[in-house]
Amino acid sequence: MNALEQQLNYPLSDALPEPGRTLEVAPGVRWVRMQLPFALDHINLWLLRDAIDGRPGWTIVDCGITNDATRAAWEQVFAGELGGLPVLRVIVTHMHPDHLGLAHWLTERWNCRLWISATDYNAARLASQATTGFGGQATALFMASHGLTDPVAMEKIKARTNYYASMVPKVPERFRRLLAGDAIRIGEHDWTCHVGYGHAPEHMSLHCPDLGVLISGDMVLPRISTNVSVIDLEPEANPLPLYLDSLERLRALPADTLVLPSHGRPFRGLHTRIDQLQAHHDDRYAEVMAACAEAPHSAADILPVMFKRPLDLHQTTFAMGESIAHLNALWHAGKLVRRVDAAGIFRFSPA
């Protein structure tokens, strides 16, 4: 446990759900943990006791990626953890593959509806049919314009033409729209939708005042900072201030809220973690400004400034997106200027 984590409280200590099993974290709220084939090796999913139109059952929150192992783990959960009751709906916090991937299979298997924000639904439909922002020629050219010129990395990015679709091969044809401020009746309790921007187009976290629980999705994670990236689909985007503003809005929730994150363990200390994440990005801003003051820097030049550990290709593409996000934020704020050098690479220096 790092120094920042020690400032948080983990009420379940080191307890984790066993594969294919659940762990109750609040009355009617169960934790499911699925494996991921990345450096970030797991995702937390949630089961909420529910009833719709007088029919008892369960709501699933987030799905896992599309692969045989995740389907098999869900089948274990269905066989042993639902008490013979059906899944009545599937809520997805946002469109990223580890959250939305199996939504098509789950909704078809249980003949139920997907609930998601309209922006993320439509972004997922687009991404599952194209490579924009996730791999292929357009992504490689975008990364090259920000200084990532290693030939091996470029070829791998160009070849990754079905990255999103491999994990989200299909999106349900129909959905029910989630809007900021919506109160969804799930079982005996209302859950309020809290919109978050920056990490995904229109991320929805769910807060239950009765239970004192926040399903935070990826907006608030206890151990790592949420990825906030610029992609080739919107190259001049400025997502980082949007993310930080979204975090600040979550401060309105009670400080002792039990946070159920998508990665890491459930914790208390929401306001403390918001402070930590804001300080983290303030530090990154300062590091980027200092580096650019020494010499004009591209996003690729900034990688070793922001990330002190070796990065594989998967991590490098995310890190590039974060590096560009910090540079774009300072550029939009008028603190940096952006110029194109003779090689066609964007370089940033103090205004």
Foldseek 3Di string as FASTA:
>chain_A
DDPLLVVWFFVVPPDDADQLEWDDPFVQKTWHWDADPDPLGIWIKIWGWFADPNATWIEIEFQAWDDPRSVVSVVSCCVPPTVVGAHAEYEFQAQALGGQHCRQVNCVVRVHAYEYAPQRLVVNVVVLVWCFQPAADLQLVLLVQLPPDDPVLSVVRNVCTRVRCVGRVDGDPDHHHDDAQDWDDGHPWTWGWQWAWQLHHTGTWTATPVGLEIAPEQLFDSPDHRQGFATSVHLLDQRPVRSLVSLVVVVVRDQQRFYNYTGDGTIGGSVSRNVVNVVLLVVLLVQVQVVQAVDWHGLVRCLCSNDVDDDDSVRVSSSSGRSSNSQSNCCVVQQWPWDQDPVSHITIHGD
